[in-house]
Amino acid sequence: MISEDFTRLWTKLTRDWKISLEQSLAPLTEGQLNVLELLLDSEPKKPSDLIQYLSTTPAAITTLLDRMERNELIERTRDVNDRRIVWISVSAKGRAETERGRAIRGNLIEHSLDRISSHNQQLLVYLLGKVANT
C-alpha cells in the first residue's frame, strides 16, 4: 500500500536527517536552532510566545531557555514597565550559531536532493506542497 511505503520512507529520511543534523550541529541542538530561528523572525519574544511553535510544556521551554542562556545563545531582559515580563532575544553568539546551523541544514538537504535530477527536485517540492496543502 502506498501510504505504508510513504510512511516507511518518510520515517527513514527524517530519522537519518535528524541524526546527521544533531551530530553536525553539536553543541547546538536542532531544538535550539528552531528556537533561535523563531526568535530571529520577530524578537524579542516572551517564553510563552514559543509554546504555540514548540509542542512542549512551559516547564520544558524554561529548561531549554536556561540551557541556551548558559551557552550564551540568548539573552533575557526584564520589561521596563512590568518586571514580571521577561523578554528573550538572540545574542551575537546565537546569531552566529543560527547561521552555522542553517548552513549545515541546507547542506544536508542539498546533499540529499543531489541524488535526483533538478526536474525531480522541483516535482518533489511541488508534490510535498500538495501534500502539505500549501
N, C-alpha and C. Protein backbone atom coordinates (compact mmCIF):
# COMPACT_ATOMS: atom_id res chain seq x y z
N MET A 1 0.84 -1.17 0.00
CA MET A 1 0.00 0.00 0.00
C MET A 1 0.90 1.25 0.00
N ILE A 2 0.51 2.25 -0.75
CA ILE A 2 1.32 3.45 -0.93
C ILE A 2 1.56 4.20 0.38
N SER A 3 0.55 4.27 1.24
CA SER A 3 0.73 5.01 2.50
C SER A 3 1.76 4.34 3.40
N GLU A 4 1.81 3.00 3.36
CA GLU A 4 2.81 2.28 4.15
C GLU A 4 4.21 2.54 3.60
N ASP A 5 4.35 2.52 2.29
CA ASP A 5 5.65 2.82 1.67
C ASP A 5 6.08 4.25 1.99
N PHE A 6 5.13 5.18 1.86
CA PHE A 6 5.44 6.58 2.17
C PHE A 6 5.87 6.72 3.62
N THR A 7 5.13 6.12 4.53
CA THR A 7 5.45 6.20 5.96
C THR A 7 6.83 5.64 6.24
N ARG A 8 7.13 4.49 5.67
CA ARG A 8 8.43 3.86 5.88
C ARG A 8 9.57 4.75 5.37
N LEU A 9 9.41 5.26 4.15
CA LEU A 9 10.46 6.09 3.55
C LEU A 9 10.59 7.44 4.26
N TRP A 10 9.46 8.07 4.58
CA TRP A 10 9.48 9.37 5.26
C TRP A 10 10.12 9.23 6.65
N THR A 11 9.76 8.16 7.36
CA THR A 11 10.33 7.93 8.69
C THR A 11 11.83 7.72 8.61
N LYS A 12 12.29 6.95 7.64
CA LYS A 12 13.73 6.72 7.48
C LYS A 12 14.44 8.01 7.14
N LEU A 13 13.89 8.76 6.18
CA LEU A 13 14.52 10.01 5.75
C LEU A 13 14.63 11.00 6.91
N THR A 14 13.53 11.22 7.62
CA THR A 14 13.55 12.21 8.70
C THR A 14 14.44 11.75 9.86
N ARG A 15 14.45 10.45 10.15
CA ARG A 15 15.32 9.93 11.21
C ARG A 15 16.79 10.12 10.82
N ASP A 16 17.13 9.78 9.59
CA ASP A 16 18.52 9.94 9.13
C ASP A 16 18.94 11.40 9.15
N TRP A 17 18.04 12.30 8.69
CA TRP A 17 18.35 13.73 8.70
C TRP A 17 18.56 14.22 10.12
N LYS A 18 17.67 13.80 11.04
CA LYS A 18 17.76 14.25 12.42
C LYS A 18 19.08 13.81 13.06
N ILE A 19 19.45 12.57 12.86
CA ILE A 19 20.71 12.05 13.42
C ILE A 19 21.89 12.82 12.85
N SER A 20 21.93 12.99 11.54
CA SER A 20 23.03 13.70 10.90
C SER A 20 23.07 15.15 11.33
N LEU A 21 21.92 15.79 11.41
CA LEU A 21 21.85 17.18 11.80
C LEU A 21 22.32 17.37 13.24
N GLU A 22 21.86 16.54 14.14
CA GLU A 22 22.26 16.65 15.55
C GLU A 22 23.77 16.47 15.70
N GLN A 23 24.35 15.52 14.97
CA GLN A 23 25.79 15.30 15.06
C GLN A 23 26.57 16.50 14.52
N SER A 24 26.10 17.07 13.43
CA SER A 24 26.81 18.19 12.80
C SER A 24 26.62 19.50 13.55
N LEU A 25 25.49 19.67 14.20
CA LEU A 25 25.20 20.92 14.90
C LEU A 25 25.92 21.04 16.23
N ALA A 26 26.26 19.92 16.85
CA ALA A 26 26.81 19.93 18.21
C ALA A 26 27.86 21.03 18.39
N PRO A 27 27.80 21.74 19.51
CA PRO A 27 26.98 21.51 20.70
C PRO A 27 25.55 22.06 20.60
N LEU A 28 25.24 22.76 19.54
CA LEU A 28 23.88 23.26 19.32
C LEU A 28 22.97 22.07 19.03
N THR A 29 21.71 22.15 19.45
CA THR A 29 20.75 21.09 19.13
C THR A 29 19.76 21.61 18.10
N GLU A 30 19.04 20.69 17.47
CA GLU A 30 18.04 21.09 16.49
C GLU A 30 16.94 21.93 17.16
N GLY A 31 16.56 21.56 18.38
CA GLY A 31 15.56 22.32 19.11
C GLY A 31 16.02 23.75 19.39
N GLN A 32 17.27 23.90 19.76
CA GLN A 32 17.82 25.24 20.00
C GLN A 32 17.86 26.04 18.71
N LEU A 33 18.23 25.40 17.61
CA LEU A 33 18.24 26.09 16.32
C LEU A 33 16.83 26.57 15.97
N ASN A 34 15.84 25.73 16.21
CA ASN A 34 14.46 26.12 15.94
C ASN A 34 14.05 27.34 16.77
N VAL A 35 14.43 27.36 18.05
CA VAL A 35 14.09 28.49 18.91
C VAL A 35 14.81 29.75 18.43
N LEU A 36 16.07 29.63 18.08
CA LEU A 36 16.82 30.79 17.58
C LEU A 36 16.16 31.36 16.33
N GLU A 37 15.74 30.48 15.42
CA GLU A 37 15.08 30.95 14.20
C GLU A 37 13.75 31.62 14.50
N LEU A 38 12.99 31.06 15.43
CA LEU A 38 11.73 31.69 15.83
C LEU A 38 11.96 33.08 16.41
N LEU A 39 12.98 33.20 17.24
CA LEU A 39 13.29 34.49 17.85
C LEU A 39 13.74 35.50 16.80
N LEU A 40 14.54 35.06 15.85
CA LEU A 40 15.04 35.98 14.83
C LEU A 40 13.94 36.45 13.89
N ASP A 41 12.88 35.64 13.75
CA ASP A 41 11.75 36.06 12.92
C ASP A 41 11.07 37.30 13.49
N SER A 42 10.99 37.39 14.80
CA SER A 42 10.39 38.56 15.44
C SER A 42 10.80 38.58 16.91
N GLU A 43 11.90 39.22 17.17
CA GLU A 43 12.35 39.31 18.55
C GLU A 43 12.15 40.71 19.07
N PRO A 44 12.07 40.90 20.35
CA PRO A 44 12.11 39.85 21.37
C PRO A 44 10.76 39.16 21.52
N LYS A 45 10.79 38.00 22.16
CA LYS A 45 9.58 37.25 22.46
C LYS A 45 9.57 36.92 23.94
N LYS A 46 8.37 36.66 24.45
CA LYS A 46 8.23 36.13 25.81
C LYS A 46 8.31 34.61 25.70
N PRO A 47 8.76 33.93 26.75
CA PRO A 47 8.78 32.46 26.70
C PRO A 47 7.42 31.87 26.32
N SER A 48 6.34 32.46 26.80
CA SER A 48 5.01 31.93 26.49
C SER A 48 4.67 32.04 25.00
N ASP A 49 5.33 32.96 24.29
CA ASP A 49 5.10 33.09 22.84
C ASP A 49 5.59 31.87 22.08
N LEU A 50 6.52 31.12 22.67
CA LEU A 50 7.12 29.97 21.99
C LEU A 50 6.25 28.72 22.06
N ILE A 51 5.31 28.69 23.01
CA ILE A 51 4.51 27.49 23.23
C ILE A 51 3.76 27.06 21.97
N GLN A 52 3.22 28.01 21.22
CA GLN A 52 2.44 27.66 20.03
C GLN A 52 3.30 27.04 18.93
N TYR A 53 4.61 27.26 18.97
CA TYR A 53 5.50 26.74 17.93
C TYR A 53 6.20 25.45 18.34
N LEU A 54 6.33 25.25 19.64
CA LEU A 54 7.06 24.09 20.15
C LEU A 54 6.08 23.20 20.89
N SER A 55 5.93 22.00 20.45
CA SER A 55 4.96 21.08 21.06
C SER A 55 5.52 20.56 22.38
N THR A 56 5.48 21.43 23.40
CA THR A 56 6.03 21.05 24.69
C THR A 56 5.38 21.88 25.79
N THR A 57 5.84 21.69 26.99
CA THR A 57 5.26 22.37 28.15
C THR A 57 6.03 23.65 28.47
N PRO A 58 5.40 24.56 29.21
CA PRO A 58 6.12 25.76 29.65
C PRO A 58 7.38 25.42 30.46
N ALA A 59 7.31 24.39 31.28
CA ALA A 59 8.48 23.99 32.07
C ALA A 59 9.63 23.54 31.17
N ALA A 60 9.30 22.79 30.13
CA ALA A 60 10.34 22.33 29.20
C ALA A 60 10.95 23.50 28.44
N ILE A 61 10.13 24.48 28.09
CA ILE A 61 10.64 25.67 27.41
C ILE A 61 11.58 26.44 28.33
N THR A 62 11.21 26.56 29.59
CA THR A 62 12.07 27.24 30.56
C THR A 62 13.41 26.53 30.68
N THR A 63 13.38 25.21 30.76
CA THR A 63 14.62 24.42 30.84
C THR A 63 15.49 24.64 29.61
N LEU A 64 14.86 24.61 28.44
CA LEU A 64 15.58 24.83 27.18
C LEU A 64 16.20 26.23 27.17
N LEU A 65 15.42 27.24 27.56
CA LEU A 65 15.93 28.61 27.56
C LEU A 65 17.04 28.79 28.59
N ASP A 66 16.93 28.13 29.73
CA ASP A 66 18.00 28.17 30.74
C ASP A 66 19.31 27.67 30.14
N ARG A 67 19.23 26.54 29.46
CA ARG A 67 20.42 25.94 28.84
C ARG A 67 20.99 26.88 27.76
N MET A 68 20.09 27.47 26.97
CA MET A 68 20.54 28.37 25.91
C MET A 68 21.18 29.63 26.49
N GLU A 69 20.64 30.11 27.59
CA GLU A 69 21.23 31.29 28.23
C GLU A 69 22.61 30.96 28.80
N ARG A 70 22.74 29.80 29.43
CA ARG A 70 24.06 29.37 29.95
C ARG A 70 25.09 29.27 28.83
N ASN A 71 24.64 28.85 27.65
CA ASN A 71 25.54 28.73 26.49
C ASN A 71 25.67 30.03 25.71
N GLU A 72 25.10 31.11 26.25
CA GLU A 72 25.21 32.46 25.69
C GLU A 72 24.59 32.59 24.30
N LEU A 73 23.54 31.80 24.03
CA LEU A 73 22.85 31.86 22.75
C LEU A 73 21.73 32.89 22.77
N ILE A 74 21.16 33.11 23.96
CA ILE A 74 20.07 34.07 24.12
C ILE A 74 20.37 34.99 25.30
N GLU A 75 19.61 36.08 25.35
CA GLU A 75 19.68 36.99 26.49
C GLU A 75 18.27 37.21 26.99
N ARG A 76 18.13 37.24 28.30
CA ARG A 76 16.84 37.53 28.93
C ARG A 76 16.91 38.91 29.57
N THR A 77 15.87 39.69 29.35
CA THR A 77 15.79 41.01 29.99
C THR A 77 14.39 41.21 30.54
N ARG A 78 14.32 41.92 31.64
CA ARG A 78 13.01 42.23 32.25
C ARG A 78 12.40 43.42 31.55
N ASP A 79 11.09 43.40 31.40
CA ASP A 79 10.36 44.52 30.81
C ASP A 79 10.49 45.73 31.74
N VAL A 80 10.73 46.90 31.16
CA VAL A 80 10.93 48.10 31.98
C VAL A 80 9.63 48.55 32.65
N ASN A 81 8.49 48.25 32.06
CA ASN A 81 7.21 48.67 32.63
C ASN A 81 6.56 47.62 33.53
N ASP A 82 6.87 46.36 33.27
CA ASP A 82 6.29 45.28 34.06
C ASP A 82 7.36 44.23 34.32
N ARG A 83 7.96 44.28 35.48
CA ARG A 83 9.10 43.41 35.81
C ARG A 83 8.75 41.92 35.79
N ARG A 84 7.46 41.59 35.77
CA ARG A 84 7.06 40.18 35.70
C ARG A 84 7.31 39.60 34.31
N ILE A 85 7.40 40.46 33.31
CA ILE A 85 7.58 40.02 31.92
C ILE A 85 9.07 39.91 31.61
N VAL A 86 9.44 38.77 31.06
CA VAL A 86 10.83 38.53 30.63
C VAL A 86 10.84 38.45 29.11
N TRP A 87 11.72 39.21 28.50
CA TRP A 87 11.88 39.19 27.05
C TRP A 87 13.12 38.39 26.69
N ILE A 88 13.02 37.63 25.62
CA ILE A 88 14.13 36.81 25.15
C ILE A 88 14.57 37.33 23.78
N SER A 89 15.87 37.50 23.63
CA SER A 89 16.41 37.89 22.33
C SER A 89 17.67 37.07 22.06
N VAL A 90 18.08 37.07 20.82
CA VAL A 90 19.23 36.28 20.38
C VAL A 90 20.50 37.10 20.60
N SER A 91 21.50 36.45 21.19
CA SER A 91 22.80 37.10 21.40
C SER A 91 23.62 37.06 20.11
N ALA A 92 24.74 37.73 20.14
CA ALA A 92 25.64 37.70 18.97
C ALA A 92 26.10 36.27 18.70
N LYS A 93 26.43 35.54 19.75
CA LYS A 93 26.84 34.14 19.58
C LYS A 93 25.67 33.32 19.01
N GLY A 94 24.45 33.60 19.49
CA GLY A 94 23.27 32.90 18.98
C GLY A 94 23.04 33.16 17.50
N ARG A 95 23.29 34.41 17.08
CA ARG A 95 23.15 34.74 15.65
C ARG A 95 24.16 33.96 14.82
N ALA A 96 25.39 33.88 15.30
CA ALA A 96 26.43 33.14 14.58
C ALA A 96 26.08 31.65 14.52
N GLU A 97 25.57 31.11 15.63
CA GLU A 97 25.20 29.70 15.66
C GLU A 97 24.00 29.42 14.75
N THR A 98 23.10 30.37 14.65
CA THR A 98 21.95 30.21 13.75
C THR A 98 22.43 30.12 12.31
N GLU A 99 23.33 31.00 11.94
CA GLU A 99 23.86 30.97 10.57
C GLU A 99 24.59 29.66 10.30
N ARG A 100 25.39 29.21 11.27
CA ARG A 100 26.10 27.94 11.12
C ARG A 100 25.09 26.80 10.99
N GLY A 101 24.06 26.80 11.83
CA GLY A 101 23.04 25.75 11.79
C GLY A 101 22.27 25.73 10.49
N ARG A 102 21.91 26.92 10.00
CA ARG A 102 21.19 26.99 8.73
C ARG A 102 22.05 26.45 7.58
N ALA A 103 23.32 26.76 7.61
CA ALA A 103 24.23 26.27 6.56
C ALA A 103 24.35 24.75 6.62
N ILE A 104 24.48 24.22 7.82
CA ILE A 104 24.58 22.76 7.98
C ILE A 104 23.31 22.09 7.49
N ARG A 105 22.15 22.60 7.90
CA ARG A 105 20.88 22.02 7.48
C ARG A 105 20.71 22.14 5.96
N GLY A 106 21.05 23.29 5.41
CA GLY A 106 20.94 23.49 3.97
C GLY A 106 21.82 22.53 3.20
N ASN A 107 23.05 22.32 3.68
CA ASN A 107 23.96 21.38 3.02
C ASN A 107 23.45 19.95 3.10
N LEU A 108 22.88 19.59 4.24
CA LEU A 108 22.33 18.25 4.41
C LEU A 108 21.20 18.00 3.43
N ILE A 109 20.28 18.95 3.31
CA ILE A 109 19.15 18.80 2.40
C ILE A 109 19.63 18.82 0.94
N GLU A 110 20.55 19.73 0.65
CA GLU A 110 21.09 19.81 -0.71
C GLU A 110 21.77 18.51 -1.11
N HIS A 111 22.54 17.94 -0.18
CA HIS A 111 23.22 16.67 -0.45
C HIS A 111 22.20 15.56 -0.75
N SER A 112 21.11 15.56 0.00
CA SER A 112 20.06 14.56 -0.24
C SER A 112 19.39 14.77 -1.59
N LEU A 113 19.09 16.03 -1.90
CA LEU A 113 18.40 16.33 -3.16
C LEU A 113 19.30 16.13 -4.38
N ASP A 114 20.62 16.20 -4.19
CA ASP A 114 21.54 15.99 -5.31
C ASP A 114 21.43 14.59 -5.90
N ARG A 115 20.77 13.69 -5.19
CA ARG A 115 20.61 12.31 -5.67
C ARG A 115 19.59 12.22 -6.79
N ILE A 116 18.79 13.28 -6.97
CA ILE A 116 17.77 13.27 -8.02
C ILE A 116 17.97 14.48 -8.94
N SER A 117 17.41 14.40 -10.13
CA SER A 117 17.58 15.46 -11.12
C SER A 117 16.91 16.75 -10.66
N SER A 118 17.29 17.84 -11.29
CA SER A 118 16.70 19.15 -10.99
C SER A 118 15.19 19.12 -11.23
N HIS A 119 14.79 18.50 -12.32
CA HIS A 119 13.36 18.38 -12.62
C HIS A 119 12.63 17.64 -11.51
N ASN A 120 13.19 16.52 -11.05
CA ASN A 120 12.56 15.74 -9.99
C ASN A 120 12.58 16.49 -8.65
N GLN A 121 13.60 17.32 -8.43
CA GLN A 121 13.63 18.16 -7.22
C GLN A 121 12.44 19.12 -7.23
N GLN A 122 12.21 19.75 -8.37
CA GLN A 122 11.08 20.67 -8.49
C GLN A 122 9.75 19.93 -8.32
N LEU A 123 9.67 18.75 -8.91
CA LEU A 123 8.48 17.93 -8.79
C LEU A 123 8.24 17.53 -7.33
N LEU A 124 9.30 17.14 -6.64
CA LEU A 124 9.21 16.76 -5.23
C LEU A 124 8.68 17.92 -4.38
N VAL A 125 9.22 19.10 -4.60
CA VAL A 125 8.77 20.28 -3.85
C VAL A 125 7.29 20.55 -4.17
N TYR A 126 6.94 20.45 -5.43
CA TYR A 126 5.55 20.67 -5.83
C TYR A 126 4.62 19.66 -5.14
N LEU A 127 5.00 18.39 -5.19
CA LEU A 127 4.16 17.34 -4.60
C LEU A 127 4.08 17.46 -3.08
N LEU A 128 5.17 17.79 -2.43
CA LEU A 128 5.14 17.98 -0.99
C LEU A 128 4.25 19.17 -0.62
N GLY A 129 4.27 20.19 -1.47
CA GLY A 129 3.38 21.32 -1.27
C GLY A 129 1.92 20.90 -1.34
N LYS A 130 1.61 20.02 -2.28
CA LYS A 130 0.25 19.49 -2.40
C LYS A 130 -0.13 18.69 -1.16
N VAL A 131 0.77 17.84 -0.70
CA VAL A 131 0.51 17.03 0.50
C VAL A 131 0.34 17.93 1.72
N ALA A 132 1.18 18.98 1.81
CA ALA A 132 1.10 19.92 2.93
C ALA A 132 -0.05 20.89 2.80
N ASN A 133 -0.72 20.86 1.64
CA ASN A 133 -1.88 21.72 1.37
C ASN A 133 -1.51 23.20 1.39
N THR A 134 -0.40 23.53 0.73
CA THR A 134 0.00 24.95 0.63
C THR A 134 -0.04 25.41 -0.80
